[in-house]
All heavy atoms as atom14 arrays in JSON, in Angstrom:
{
  "sequence": "NWKSSDSPVRDERCAEYLSLVTALKAEILEF",
  "atom14_mask": [
    [1, 1, 1, 1, 1, 1, 1, 1, 0, 0, 0, 0, 0, 0],
    [1, 1, 1, 1, 1, 1, 1, 1, 1, 1, 1, 1, 1, 1],
    [1, 1, 1, 1, 1, 1, 1, 1, 1, 0, 0, 0, 0, 0],
    [1, 1, 1, 1, 1, 1, 0, 0, 0, 0, 0, 0, 0, 0],
    [1, 1, 1, 1, 1, 1, 0, 0, 0, 0, 0, 0, 0, 0],
    [1, 1, 1, 1, 1, 1, 1, 1, 0, 0, 0, 0, 0, 0],
    [1, 1, 1, 1, 1, 1, 0, 0, 0, 0, 0, 0, 0, 0],
    [1, 1, 1, 1, 1, 1, 1, 0, 0, 0, 0, 0, 0, 0],
    [1, 1, 1, 1, 1, 1, 1, 0, 0, 0, 0, 0, 0, 0],
    [1, 1, 1, 1, 1, 1, 1, 1, 1, 1, 1, 0, 0, 0],
    [1, 1, 1, 1, 1, 1, 1, 1, 0, 0, 0, 0, 0, 0],
    [1, 1, 1, 1, 1, 1, 1, 1, 1, 0, 0, 0, 0, 0],
    [1, 1, 1, 1, 1, 1, 1, 1, 1, 1, 1, 0, 0, 0],
    [1, 1, 1, 1, 1, 1, 0, 0, 0, 0, 0, 0, 0, 0],
    [1, 1, 1, 1, 1, 0, 0, 0, 0, 0, 0, 0, 0, 0],
    [1, 1, 1, 1, 1, 1, 1, 1, 1, 0, 0, 0, 0, 0],
    [1, 1, 1, 1, 1, 1, 1, 1, 1, 1, 1, 1, 0, 0],
    [1, 1, 1, 1, 1, 1, 1, 1, 0, 0, 0, 0, 0, 0],
    [1, 1, 1, 1, 1, 1, 0, 0, 0, 0, 0, 0, 0, 0],
    [1, 1, 1, 1, 1, 1, 1, 1, 0, 0, 0, 0, 0, 0],
    [1, 1, 1, 1, 1, 1, 1, 0, 0, 0, 0, 0, 0, 0],
    [1, 1, 1, 1, 1, 1, 1, 0, 0, 0, 0, 0, 0, 0],
    [1, 1, 1, 1, 1, 0, 0, 0, 0, 0, 0, 0, 0, 0],
    [1, 1, 1, 1, 1, 1, 1, 1, 0, 0, 0, 0, 0, 0],
    [1, 1, 1, 1, 1, 1, 1, 1, 1, 0, 0, 0, 0, 0],
    [1, 1, 1, 1, 1, 0, 0, 0, 0, 0, 0, 0, 0, 0],
    [1, 1, 1, 1, 1, 1, 1, 1, 1, 0, 0, 0, 0, 0],
    [1, 1, 1, 1, 1, 1, 1, 1, 0, 0, 0, 0, 0, 0],
    [1, 1, 1, 1, 1, 1, 1, 1, 0, 0, 0, 0, 0, 0],
    [1, 1, 1, 1, 1, 1, 1, 1, 1, 0, 0, 0, 0, 0],
    [1, 1, 1, 1, 1, 1, 1, 1, 1, 1, 1, 0, 0, 0]
  ],
  "atom14_positions": [
    [[111.22, 60.15, 96.04], [111.51, 58.71, 96.15], [111.26, 57.98, 94.84], [112.06, 57.13, 94.44], [110.67, 58.08, 97.27], [111.11, 58.51, 98.64], [112.26, 58.91, 98.85], [110.21, 58.45, 99.6], [0.0, 0.0, 0.0], [0.0, 0.0, 0.0], [0.0, 0.0, 0.0], [0.0, 0.0, 0.0], [0.0, 0.0, 0.0], [0.0, 0.0, 0.0]],
    [[110.16, 58.31, 94.18], [109.86, 57.66, 92.92], [110.85, 58.05, 91.83], [111.2, 57.24, 90.97], [108.43, 57.94, 92.48], [107.46, 57.04, 93.16], [106.57, 57.38, 94.14], [107.29, 55.64, 92.96], [105.87, 56.28, 94.55], [106.29, 55.2, 93.84], [107.9, 54.72, 92.11], [105.88, 53.87, 93.89], [107.49, 53.39, 92.16], [106.49, 52.98, 93.04]],
    [[111.32, 59.28, 91.86], [112.3, 59.72, 90.85], [113.58, 58.9, 90.93], [114.25, 58.68, 89.92], [112.61, 61.21, 91.01], [111.56, 62.11, 90.44], [111.96, 63.57, 90.58], [110.95, 64.49, 89.94], [111.33, 65.91, 90.07], [0.0, 0.0, 0.0], [0.0, 0.0, 0.0], [0.0, 0.0, 0.0], [0.0, 0.0, 0.0], [0.0, 0.0, 0.0]],
    [[113.93, 58.47, 92.13], [115.17, 57.71, 92.3], [114.94, 56.2, 92.26], [115.87, 55.42, 92.43], [115.85, 58.1, 93.61], [115.04, 57.76, 94.72], [0.0, 0.0, 0.0], [0.0, 0.0, 0.0], [0.0, 0.0, 0.0], [0.0, 0.0, 0.0], [0.0, 0.0, 0.0], [0.0, 0.0, 0.0], [0.0, 0.0, 0.0], [0.0, 0.0, 0.0]],
    [[113.72, 55.79, 91.99], [113.36, 54.38, 91.94], [113.72, 53.78, 90.58], [113.77, 54.46, 89.57], [111.86, 54.22, 92.18], [111.44, 52.91, 91.94], [0.0, 0.0, 0.0], [0.0, 0.0, 0.0], [0.0, 0.0, 0.0], [0.0, 0.0, 0.0], [0.0, 0.0, 0.0], [0.0, 0.0, 0.0], [0.0, 0.0, 0.0], [0.0, 0.0, 0.0]],
    [[113.96, 52.47, 90.6], [114.17, 51.77, 89.33], [112.98, 50.85, 89.03], [113.07, 49.95, 88.21], [115.48, 51.01, 89.33], [115.57, 49.98, 90.46], [114.61, 49.84, 91.23], [116.62, 49.32, 90.55], [0.0, 0.0, 0.0], [0.0, 0.0, 0.0], [0.0, 0.0, 0.0], [0.0, 0.0, 0.0], [0.0, 0.0, 0.0], [0.0, 0.0, 0.0]],
    [[111.87, 51.13, 89.66], [110.65, 50.36, 89.46], [110.12, 50.55, 88.04], [110.23, 51.63, 87.46], [109.59, 50.81, 90.46], [108.33, 50.25, 90.15], [0.0, 0.0, 0.0], [0.0, 0.0, 0.0], [0.0, 0.0, 0.0], [0.0, 0.0, 0.0], [0.0, 0.0, 0.0], [0.0, 0.0, 0.0], [0.0, 0.0, 0.0], [0.0, 0.0, 0.0]],
    [[109.5, 49.52, 87.48], [108.91, 49.66, 86.15], [107.75, 50.66, 86.1], [107.41, 51.16, 85.04], [108.43, 48.25, 85.79], [108.67, 47.4, 86.97], [109.41, 48.17, 88.0], [0.0, 0.0, 0.0], [0.0, 0.0, 0.0], [0.0, 0.0, 0.0], [0.0, 0.0, 0.0], [0.0, 0.0, 0.0], [0.0, 0.0, 0.0], [0.0, 0.0, 0.0]],
    [[107.17, 50.98, 87.25], [106.06, 51.94, 87.28], [106.54, 53.34, 87.69], [105.74, 54.22, 87.98], [104.92, 51.47, 88.21], [104.29, 50.2, 87.69], [105.4, 51.31, 89.64], [0.0, 0.0, 0.0], [0.0, 0.0, 0.0], [0.0, 0.0, 0.0], [0.0, 0.0, 0.0], [0.0, 0.0, 0.0], [0.0, 0.0, 0.0], [0.0, 0.0, 0.0]],
    [[107.83, 53.53, 87.7], [108.43, 54.8, 88.14], [107.83, 56.0, 87.43], [107.37, 56.95, 88.07], [109.94, 54.77, 87.92], [110.62, 56.07, 88.19], [112.12, 55.98, 87.84], [112.68, 57.3, 87.87], [112.95, 58.02, 86.79], [112.72, 57.54, 85.59], [113.45, 59.22, 86.91], [0.0, 0.0, 0.0], [0.0, 0.0, 0.0], [0.0, 0.0, 0.0]],
    [[107.82, 56.0, 86.11], [107.35, 57.16, 85.36], [105.88, 57.45, 85.63], [105.48, 58.61, 85.77], [107.58, 56.96, 83.86], [109.06, 56.98, 83.5], [109.88, 57.46, 84.32], [109.4, 56.51, 82.4], [0.0, 0.0, 0.0], [0.0, 0.0, 0.0], [0.0, 0.0, 0.0], [0.0, 0.0, 0.0], [0.0, 0.0, 0.0], [0.0, 0.0, 0.0]],
    [[105.09, 56.4, 85.74], [103.67, 56.57, 86.02], [103.46, 57.19, 87.4], [102.67, 58.12, 87.57], [102.97, 55.21, 85.95], [101.49, 55.27, 86.15], [100.84, 53.89, 86.07], [101.4, 52.99, 85.41], [99.77, 53.74, 86.67], [0.0, 0.0, 0.0], [0.0, 0.0, 0.0], [0.0, 0.0, 0.0], [0.0, 0.0, 0.0], [0.0, 0.0, 0.0]],
    [[104.18, 56.69, 88.4], [104.04, 57.22, 89.76], [104.59, 58.65, 89.85], [104.01, 59.5, 90.53], [104.75, 56.33, 90.78], [104.17, 54.96, 90.93], [102.72, 55.02, 91.44], [102.16, 53.71, 91.52], [101.37, 53.16, 90.6], [101.02, 53.85, 89.53], [100.9, 51.94, 90.74], [0.0, 0.0, 0.0], [0.0, 0.0, 0.0], [0.0, 0.0, 0.0]],
    [[105.66, 58.93, 89.16], [106.2, 60.3, 89.15], [105.17, 61.26, 88.58], [104.95, 62.35, 89.12], [107.5, 60.36, 88.34], [108.94, 59.72, 89.21], [0.0, 0.0, 0.0], [0.0, 0.0, 0.0], [0.0, 0.0, 0.0], [0.0, 0.0, 0.0], [0.0, 0.0, 0.0], [0.0, 0.0, 0.0], [0.0, 0.0, 0.0], [0.0, 0.0, 0.0]],
    [[104.52, 60.87, 87.5], [103.49, 61.72, 86.9], [102.34, 61.94, 87.87], [101.83, 63.07, 87.99], [102.99, 61.11, 85.59], [0.0, 0.0, 0.0], [0.0, 0.0, 0.0], [0.0, 0.0, 0.0], [0.0, 0.0, 0.0], [0.0, 0.0, 0.0], [0.0, 0.0, 0.0], [0.0, 0.0, 0.0], [0.0, 0.0, 0.0], [0.0, 0.0, 0.0]],
    [[101.94, 60.89, 88.57], [100.84, 61.02, 89.53], [101.21, 61.97, 90.66], [100.41, 62.83, 91.04], [100.49, 59.65, 90.11], [99.81, 58.73, 89.12], [99.67, 57.3, 89.64], [100.12, 57.0, 90.77], [99.1, 56.47, 88.91], [0.0, 0.0, 0.0], [0.0, 0.0, 0.0], [0.0, 0.0, 0.0], [0.0, 0.0, 0.0], [0.0, 0.0, 0.0]],
    [[102.41, 61.8, 91.22], [102.8, 62.66, 92.34], [103.08, 64.09, 91.89], [102.8, 65.03, 92.62], [103.99, 62.07, 93.1], [103.53, 61.03, 94.09], [103.65, 59.68, 93.81], [102.93, 61.4, 95.28], [103.2, 58.72, 94.71], [102.47, 60.45, 96.19], [102.61, 59.12, 95.9], [102.15, 58.18, 96.79], [0.0, 0.0, 0.0], [0.0, 0.0, 0.0]],
    [[103.59, 64.26, 90.68], [103.78, 65.61, 90.16], [102.43, 66.31, 90.01], [102.29, 67.49, 90.35], [104.53, 65.57, 88.83], [104.85, 66.92, 88.21], [105.69, 67.77, 89.16], [105.58, 66.72, 86.9], [0.0, 0.0, 0.0], [0.0, 0.0, 0.0], [0.0, 0.0, 0.0], [0.0, 0.0, 0.0], [0.0, 0.0, 0.0], [0.0, 0.0, 0.0]],
    [[101.45, 65.58, 89.53], [100.09, 66.13, 89.41], [99.54, 66.49, 90.79], [98.91, 67.54, 90.96], [99.19, 65.11, 88.72], [97.88, 65.58, 88.65], [0.0, 0.0, 0.0], [0.0, 0.0, 0.0], [0.0, 0.0, 0.0], [0.0, 0.0, 0.0], [0.0, 0.0, 0.0], [0.0, 0.0, 0.0], [0.0, 0.0, 0.0], [0.0, 0.0, 0.0]],
    [[99.77, 65.64, 91.77], [99.3, 65.91, 93.13], [99.99, 67.15, 93.7], [99.33, 68.01, 94.3], [99.55, 64.69, 94.02], [99.13, 64.82, 95.47], [97.64, 65.15, 95.59], [99.47, 63.55, 96.23], [0.0, 0.0, 0.0], [0.0, 0.0, 0.0], [0.0, 0.0, 0.0], [0.0, 0.0, 0.0], [0.0, 0.0, 0.0], [0.0, 0.0, 0.0]],
    [[101.29, 67.27, 93.52], [102.03, 68.45, 94.0], [101.45, 69.71, 93.36], [101.21, 70.71, 94.04], [103.55, 68.32, 93.72], [104.27, 69.65, 93.89], [104.16, 67.25, 94.62], [0.0, 0.0, 0.0], [0.0, 0.0, 0.0], [0.0, 0.0, 0.0], [0.0, 0.0, 0.0], [0.0, 0.0, 0.0], [0.0, 0.0, 0.0], [0.0, 0.0, 0.0]],
    [[101.19, 69.66, 92.06], [100.64, 70.81, 91.35], [99.27, 71.19, 91.91], [98.98, 72.37, 92.14], [100.55, 70.51, 89.85], [101.87, 70.23, 89.35], [99.96, 71.67, 89.07], [0.0, 0.0, 0.0], [0.0, 0.0, 0.0], [0.0, 0.0, 0.0], [0.0, 0.0, 0.0], [0.0, 0.0, 0.0], [0.0, 0.0, 0.0], [0.0, 0.0, 0.0]],
    [[98.44, 70.19, 92.16], [97.1, 70.45, 92.71], [97.18, 71.02, 94.12], [96.43, 71.94, 94.47], [96.27, 69.17, 92.7], [0.0, 0.0, 0.0], [0.0, 0.0, 0.0], [0.0, 0.0, 0.0], [0.0, 0.0, 0.0], [0.0, 0.0, 0.0], [0.0, 0.0, 0.0], [0.0, 0.0, 0.0], [0.0, 0.0, 0.0], [0.0, 0.0, 0.0]],
    [[98.07, 70.5, 94.93], [98.22, 70.99, 96.3], [98.73, 72.43, 96.32], [98.29, 73.25, 97.12], [99.15, 70.07, 97.11], [98.55, 68.71, 97.45], [99.63, 67.75, 97.93], [97.45, 68.85, 98.5], [0.0, 0.0, 0.0], [0.0, 0.0, 0.0], [0.0, 0.0, 0.0], [0.0, 0.0, 0.0], [0.0, 0.0, 0.0], [0.0, 0.0, 0.0]],
    [[99.66, 72.75, 95.43], [100.14, 74.13, 95.34], [99.0, 75.07, 94.96], [98.89, 76.17, 95.53], [101.29, 74.22, 94.32], [102.58, 73.62, 94.82], [103.66, 73.48, 93.77], [103.77, 74.57, 92.78], [104.82, 74.36, 91.76], [0.0, 0.0, 0.0], [0.0, 0.0, 0.0], [0.0, 0.0, 0.0], [0.0, 0.0, 0.0], [0.0, 0.0, 0.0]],
    [[98.16, 74.66, 94.03], [97.02, 75.48, 93.64], [96.06, 75.66, 94.81], [95.53, 76.76, 95.04], [96.3, 74.84, 92.45], [0.0, 0.0, 0.0], [0.0, 0.0, 0.0], [0.0, 0.0, 0.0], [0.0, 0.0, 0.0], [0.0, 0.0, 0.0], [0.0, 0.0, 0.0], [0.0, 0.0, 0.0], [0.0, 0.0, 0.0], [0.0, 0.0, 0.0]],
    [[95.84, 74.6, 95.57], [94.94, 74.69, 96.72], [95.52, 75.6, 97.8], [94.78, 76.36, 98.43], [94.69, 73.28, 97.27], [93.5, 73.2, 98.17], [93.1, 71.78, 98.52], [93.53, 70.82, 97.83], [92.36, 71.63, 99.51], [0.0, 0.0, 0.0], [0.0, 0.0, 0.0], [0.0, 0.0, 0.0], [0.0, 0.0, 0.0], [0.0, 0.0, 0.0]],
    [[96.81, 75.54, 98.0], [97.45, 76.44, 98.97], [97.27, 77.89, 98.53], [96.95, 78.76, 99.35], [98.94, 76.07, 99.15], [99.04, 74.77, 99.97], [99.73, 77.2, 99.81], [100.43, 74.17, 100.03], [0.0, 0.0, 0.0], [0.0, 0.0, 0.0], [0.0, 0.0, 0.0], [0.0, 0.0, 0.0], [0.0, 0.0, 0.0], [0.0, 0.0, 0.0]],
    [[97.47, 78.16, 97.26], [97.26, 79.52, 96.76], [95.82, 79.98, 96.94], [95.58, 81.13, 97.33], [97.65, 79.61, 95.28], [99.12, 79.79, 94.98], [99.35, 79.82, 93.47], [99.67, 81.04, 95.62], [0.0, 0.0, 0.0], [0.0, 0.0, 0.0], [0.0, 0.0, 0.0], [0.0, 0.0, 0.0], [0.0, 0.0, 0.0], [0.0, 0.0, 0.0]],
    [[94.88, 79.1, 96.7], [93.46, 79.44, 96.91], [93.21, 79.78, 98.38], [92.51, 80.74, 98.69], [92.57, 78.28, 96.48], [92.48, 78.08, 94.99], [91.66, 76.86, 94.61], [90.89, 76.35, 95.45], [91.79, 76.41, 93.46], [0.0, 0.0, 0.0], [0.0, 0.0, 0.0], [0.0, 0.0, 0.0], [0.0, 0.0, 0.0], [0.0, 0.0, 0.0]],
    [[93.78, 78.99, 99.26], [93.64, 79.22, 100.7], [94.22, 80.58, 101.07], [93.6, 81.37, 101.79], [94.38, 78.11, 101.45], [93.7, 77.6, 102.67], [93.24, 76.3, 102.72], [93.54, 78.4, 103.8], [92.63, 75.8, 103.86], [92.92, 77.91, 104.94], [92.47, 76.61, 104.97], [0.0, 0.0, 0.0], [0.0, 0.0, 0.0], [0.0, 0.0, 0.0]]
  ]
}
């Protein structure tokens, strides 16, 4: 959703969610 947004905070939110996805994938692997 953020990738398709035209919000001025788009890039910041994309970076945050990308970081969250990366962390969740690592946690799934640990599990």
